[in-house]
Amino acid sequence: MAECLLRQAVADAPQSRHGHLEAALAWNALGVVGKYKGHYEDAEEAYRRAETHLGQTRRGRLLQATLAHNLGGLAFARGDHTCGEEHAHRAVRLRARLLGEGHVDVVADRAARAALLAQQGRLEEAAEDFAAAMAAYECIFGQEHPEWAVNANNLGVVEARRGNRRRAEKLLLRSLAVKEKVLGPDAVDVATTLVNLIDLYSRSARTEEAWRLLKRAQAIADRRVGREHPLAKAVAERRTRLAAGDREQAGAVRPAQEESASQASES
C-alpha cells in the first residue's frame, strides 16, 4: 500500500526537473522501500530520479546529503564498499557543512561510513567511529534506541574480527536485547544481530548455541523477507556452514566442507 501511494505521489508531482522537493522526497522514499525489499536496481533508479528534482535551497542540499547517505547504504548492500564509502563521505561533507559536526544526522552519516570502512578491513578506524557514534546516541537518546543498537551490533562485529570475542559477545547481546525491546522479537534487524552471534558462537565451538539462534533467525526470515533478500541468503549460508561443521565433528563419515568467513553488518 505504501509503495502504491508513493508511486501515485511521484506520478502527480510536477514534471519540471528542478526544485520540486515533494517529488524528490517521494522518489527517495521509494528507493528506501526498494532497498528494504532487496530490489536494488529499482532502488538506485528511484534515488537517481530524486536527484533530478533537487533545487539549490537549503532543504534541497540537505536532501542531497540524505540521498548520498542512502546511495552509500545501497552500495553496502550490494557489496560495493569502495563506491559506498565515496557516497558516505560525500554525505558527511555536505551535511556537516549545513548542520555542524555534532548534529545527530552527521553522526548517522559517520556511522554509515564506518560500516563501509569495516568491510574494507580498516577495523581500527571503524571501531573508533562506531564507539563515538554509540556515545553520541547514548547522550542524545539513551541506550534503548535503535540507532544505538545498530552501532553496538556493528562494533561487536568489528571486535569479533579483531579477535576480541568477549567484548564482541557483550556488545552483540546488548544490541539484541535493545532491538527485541524496541523493535519487537521478530524484526528483521533482530535477525541481523542473531546472524552475527551465530558467526561468533560457531567460531568459538559453541555449536549448540549457534543452532538455537539459527532457528530463530530462520523463523524471522521466513516470516518477514523473500528468498532473495540478503537476510534470507545469510541465514541459508550459516545453516550450510553449521551443517558442515557437524559433519566434520562426526569423524570420517563425511568429509568437511571448506568455509569462507564473513560477517553480517548494518548501514
Protein backbone atom coordinates (compact mmCIF):
# COMPACT_ATOMS: atom_id res chain seq x y z
CA MET A 1 0.00 0.00 0.00
CA ALA A 2 2.75 2.48 0.94
CA GLU A 3 4.60 1.78 -2.30
CA CYS A 4 1.44 2.33 -4.33
CA LEU A 5 0.81 5.67 -2.62
CA LEU A 6 4.39 6.78 -3.22
CA ARG A 7 4.18 5.89 -6.90
CA GLN A 8 0.95 7.86 -7.16
CA ALA A 9 2.68 10.79 -5.48
CA VAL A 10 5.54 10.85 -7.98
CA ALA A 11 3.08 10.48 -10.86
CA ASP A 12 1.11 13.50 -9.61
CA ALA A 13 4.20 15.65 -8.94
CA PRO A 14 5.19 18.45 -11.33
CA GLN A 15 7.46 17.14 -14.06
CA SER A 16 9.95 20.03 -14.15
CA ARG A 17 13.44 18.71 -13.44
CA HIS A 18 14.47 21.01 -10.59
CA GLY A 19 13.13 22.34 -7.34
CA HIS A 20 10.17 20.05 -6.62
CA LEU A 21 11.16 18.64 -3.26
CA GLU A 22 7.89 16.78 -2.78
CA ALA A 23 8.74 14.65 -5.80
CA ALA A 24 12.32 14.20 -4.59
CA LEU A 25 11.10 13.09 -1.17
CA ALA A 26 8.68 10.59 -2.70
CA TRP A 27 11.35 9.14 -5.00
CA ASN A 28 13.76 8.87 -2.07
CA ALA A 29 11.13 7.00 -0.04
CA LEU A 30 10.58 4.64 -2.98
CA GLY A 31 14.32 3.99 -3.01
CA VAL A 32 14.23 3.09 0.67
CA VAL A 33 11.35 0.67 0.03
CA GLY A 34 13.19 -0.89 -2.90
CA LYS A 35 16.35 -1.45 -0.87
CA TYR A 36 14.37 -2.96 2.02
CA LYS A 37 12.73 -5.41 -0.40
CA GLY A 38 16.07 -6.28 -1.98
CA HIS A 39 15.16 -4.66 -5.33
CA TYR A 40 18.46 -2.84 -5.70
CA GLU A 41 18.16 -1.70 -9.30
CA ASP A 42 14.74 -0.19 -8.61
CA ALA A 43 16.13 1.50 -5.51
CA GLU A 44 19.03 3.05 -7.39
CA GLU A 45 16.74 4.31 -10.14
CA ALA A 46 14.47 5.90 -7.53
CA TYR A 47 17.39 7.63 -5.79
CA ARG A 48 18.68 8.93 -9.14
CA ARG A 49 15.21 10.21 -10.05
CA ALA A 50 15.10 12.01 -6.70
CA GLU A 51 18.36 13.76 -7.54
CA THR A 52 16.84 15.26 -10.69
CA HIS A 53 14.29 17.15 -8.59
CA LEU A 54 16.73 18.84 -6.21
CA GLY A 55 16.97 22.60 -6.18
CA GLN A 56 19.53 24.92 -4.62
CA THR A 57 17.61 25.68 -1.43
CA ARG A 58 18.89 24.60 1.97
CA ARG A 59 16.25 21.85 2.08
CA GLY A 60 17.39 20.67 -1.32
CA ARG A 61 21.01 20.48 -0.21
CA LEU A 62 20.03 18.57 2.93
CA LEU A 63 18.09 16.09 0.81
CA GLN A 64 21.15 15.78 -1.42
CA ALA A 65 23.11 14.65 1.66
CA THR A 66 20.36 12.18 2.52
CA LEU A 67 20.46 10.72 -0.98
CA ALA A 68 24.25 10.37 -0.75
CA HIS A 69 23.78 8.54 2.57
CA ASN A 70 21.17 6.24 1.05
CA LEU A 71 23.24 5.52 -2.05
CA GLY A 72 26.08 4.56 0.28
CA GLY A 73 23.77 2.16 2.08
CA LEU A 74 22.62 0.68 -1.19
CA ALA A 75 26.24 0.15 -2.30
CA PHE A 76 26.89 -1.53 1.06
CA ALA A 77 24.00 -3.93 0.46
CA ARG A 78 25.38 -4.73 -2.99
CA GLY A 79 28.86 -5.34 -1.63
CA ASP A 80 30.46 -2.38 -3.42
CA HIS A 81 32.14 -0.94 -0.35
CA THR A 82 34.58 1.37 -2.08
CA CYS A 83 31.80 3.09 -4.02
CA GLY A 84 29.72 3.15 -0.85
CA GLU A 85 32.47 4.91 1.06
CA GLU A 86 32.60 7.63 -1.60
CA HIS A 87 28.85 8.26 -1.23
CA ALA A 88 29.08 8.16 2.58
CA HIS A 89 32.00 10.60 2.67
CA ARG A 90 30.01 12.96 0.45
CA ALA A 91 27.05 12.74 2.84
CA VAL A 92 29.28 13.60 5.80
CA ARG A 93 30.85 16.54 3.99
CA LEU A 94 27.56 18.00 2.76
CA ARG A 95 25.62 17.64 5.98
CA ALA A 96 28.39 18.73 8.34
CA ARG A 97 28.71 21.92 6.30
CA LEU A 98 24.99 22.63 6.74
CA LEU A 99 24.28 21.35 10.27
CA GLY A 100 27.62 21.19 12.11
CA GLU A 101 29.77 18.26 13.15
CA GLY A 102 27.80 17.34 16.28
CA HIS A 103 24.36 17.08 14.68
CA VAL A 104 22.64 13.71 15.07
CA ASP A 105 22.28 13.28 11.31
CA VAL A 106 26.02 13.84 10.82
CA VAL A 107 26.64 11.17 13.48
CA ALA A 108 24.46 8.81 11.41
CA ASP A 109 26.44 9.63 8.28
CA ARG A 110 29.74 8.89 10.00
CA ALA A 111 28.40 5.63 11.42
CA ALA A 112 27.29 4.56 7.95
CA ARG A 113 30.74 5.35 6.60
CA ALA A 114 32.30 3.34 9.44
CA ALA A 115 30.38 0.25 8.33
CA LEU A 116 31.87 0.63 4.87
CA LEU A 117 35.36 1.10 6.32
CA ALA A 118 34.94 -2.10 8.32
CA GLN A 119 34.06 -4.05 5.20
CA GLN A 120 37.32 -2.87 3.65
CA GLY A 121 39.33 -4.19 6.60
CA ARG A 122 40.00 -0.78 8.13
CA LEU A 123 38.95 -2.08 11.52
CA GLU A 124 40.65 0.40 13.85
CA GLU A 125 39.12 3.39 12.05
CA ALA A 126 35.73 1.70 12.03
CA ALA A 127 35.87 0.78 15.73
CA GLU A 128 36.68 4.36 16.72
CA ASP A 129 33.79 5.73 14.66
CA PHE A 130 31.28 3.16 15.91
CA ALA A 131 32.26 3.78 19.53
CA ALA A 132 31.94 7.54 19.00
CA ALA A 133 28.52 7.05 17.42
CA MET A 134 27.35 4.91 20.33
CA ALA A 135 28.49 7.58 22.79
CA ALA A 136 26.73 10.32 20.82
CA TYR A 137 23.48 8.35 20.52
CA GLU A 138 23.54 7.45 24.20
CA CYS A 139 23.91 11.13 25.06
CA ILE A 140 21.05 12.13 22.74
CA PHE A 141 18.62 9.21 23.07
CA GLY A 142 19.86 6.87 25.78
CA GLN A 143 20.93 3.28 25.17
CA GLU A 144 17.47 1.90 24.44
CA HIS A 145 17.25 3.30 20.94
CA PRO A 146 17.51 1.55 17.55
CA GLU A 147 20.46 3.68 16.37
CA TRP A 148 22.45 2.86 19.50
CA ALA A 149 21.66 -0.82 18.99
CA VAL A 150 22.72 -0.78 15.33
CA ASN A 151 26.09 0.71 16.23
CA ALA A 152 26.55 -1.71 19.14
CA ASN A 153 25.90 -4.54 16.65
CA ASN A 154 28.43 -3.17 14.20
CA LEU A 155 31.09 -2.53 16.81
CA GLY A 156 30.52 -6.10 18.03
CA VAL A 157 31.19 -7.36 14.51
CA VAL A 158 34.40 -5.32 14.31
CA GLU A 159 35.61 -6.52 17.72
CA ALA A 160 34.98 -10.13 16.69
CA ARG A 161 37.09 -9.60 13.59
CA ARG A 162 39.82 -8.06 15.75
CA GLY A 163 39.82 -11.17 17.95
CA ASN A 164 38.12 -9.56 20.98
CA ARG A 165 35.43 -12.21 21.31
CA ARG A 166 34.35 -11.48 24.88
CA ARG A 167 33.77 -7.80 24.12
CA ALA A 168 32.10 -8.74 20.83
CA GLU A 169 29.62 -11.03 22.58
CA LYS A 170 28.78 -8.41 25.19
CA LEU A 171 28.07 -5.80 22.52
CA LEU A 172 26.03 -8.16 20.34
CA LEU A 173 23.91 -9.42 23.23
CA ARG A 174 23.21 -5.89 24.39
CA SER A 175 22.29 -4.87 20.84
CA LEU A 176 19.97 -7.88 20.59
CA ALA A 177 18.21 -7.04 23.85
CA VAL A 178 17.60 -3.43 22.83
CA LYS A 179 16.32 -4.39 19.38
CA GLU A 180 13.96 -7.01 20.83
CA LYS A 181 12.55 -4.47 23.27
CA VAL A 182 12.26 -1.54 20.89
CA LEU A 183 11.55 -3.21 17.52
CA GLY A 184 9.96 -6.49 18.59
CA PRO A 185 11.36 -10.04 18.77
CA ASP A 186 10.70 -10.86 15.09
CA ALA A 187 12.11 -7.69 13.49
CA VAL A 188 14.49 -8.08 10.56
CA ASP A 189 17.14 -6.08 12.46
CA VAL A 190 16.90 -8.61 15.30
CA ALA A 191 17.79 -11.38 12.86
CA THR A 192 20.82 -9.41 11.66
CA THR A 193 22.31 -9.48 15.16
CA LEU A 194 21.34 -13.14 15.54
CA VAL A 195 23.38 -13.92 12.41
CA ASN A 196 26.40 -12.16 13.88
CA LEU A 197 26.07 -14.10 17.14
CA ILE A 198 25.82 -17.33 15.13
CA ASP A 199 29.13 -16.47 13.49
CA LEU A 200 30.74 -15.69 16.83
CA TYR A 201 29.49 -18.87 18.52
CA SER A 202 30.33 -21.17 15.63
CA ARG A 203 33.91 -19.88 15.60
CA SER A 204 34.11 -20.40 19.36
CA ALA A 205 32.97 -24.05 19.13
CA ARG A 206 29.63 -23.15 20.76
CA THR A 207 27.69 -25.05 18.14
CA GLU A 208 24.59 -25.82 20.18
CA GLU A 209 24.04 -22.13 20.91
CA ALA A 210 24.63 -21.28 17.25
CA TRP A 211 21.97 -23.77 16.12
CA ARG A 212 19.49 -22.37 18.64
CA LEU A 213 19.94 -18.85 17.32
CA LEU A 214 19.82 -20.08 13.73
CA LYS A 215 16.32 -21.46 14.28
CA ARG A 216 15.19 -18.02 15.48
CA ALA A 217 16.85 -16.23 12.58
CA GLN A 218 15.32 -18.70 10.09
CA ALA A 219 11.83 -18.16 11.54
CA ILE A 220 12.19 -14.38 11.21
CA ALA A 221 13.49 -14.62 7.65
CA ASP A 222 10.65 -16.96 6.66
CA ARG A 223 8.04 -14.55 8.02
CA ARG A 224 9.49 -11.20 7.06
CA VAL A 225 11.50 -11.38 3.82
CA GLY A 226 11.63 -13.16 0.48
CA ARG A 227 14.13 -15.83 -0.54
CA GLU A 228 16.31 -13.35 -2.44
CA HIS A 229 16.62 -10.91 0.42
CA PRO A 230 20.16 -10.62 1.89
CA LEU A 231 18.92 -11.80 5.29
CA ALA A 232 17.42 -14.98 3.83
CA LYS A 233 20.65 -15.68 1.97
CA ALA A 234 22.76 -15.02 5.08
CA VAL A 235 20.66 -17.42 7.17
CA ALA A 236 20.89 -20.14 4.49
CA GLU A 237 24.67 -19.69 4.33
CA ARG A 238 25.01 -20.09 8.11
CA ARG A 239 22.88 -23.23 8.04
CA THR A 240 25.22 -24.73 5.42
CA ARG A 241 28.28 -23.84 7.49
CA LEU A 242 26.89 -25.27 10.72
CA ALA A 243 25.85 -28.48 8.97
CA ALA A 244 29.35 -28.79 7.51
CA GLY A 245 30.81 -28.34 10.99
CA ASP A 246 28.56 -31.07 12.40
CA ARG A 247 29.71 -33.47 9.69
CA GLU A 248 33.34 -32.69 10.46
CA GLN A 249 32.82 -33.47 14.16
CA ALA A 250 31.18 -36.78 13.23
CA GLY A 251 34.56 -38.07 12.05
CA ALA A 252 35.33 -39.66 8.73
CA VAL A 253 31.75 -40.47 7.76
CA ARG A 254 31.53 -37.39 5.54
CA PRO A 255 34.32 -35.03 4.53
CA ALA A 256 34.22 -31.49 5.91
CA GLN A 257 33.45 -28.69 3.51
CA GLU A 258 35.66 -25.64 3.24
CA GLU A 259 34.02 -22.49 4.54
CA SER A 260 34.63 -18.83 3.91
CA ALA A 261 34.49 -16.31 6.73
CA SER A 262 32.21 -13.29 6.59
CA GLN A 263 30.15 -11.16 8.97
CA ALA A 264 26.74 -9.65 8.58
CA SER A 265 26.64 -5.96 9.31
CA GLU A 266 24.31 -2.88 9.06
CA SER A 267 24.50 0.54 7.36
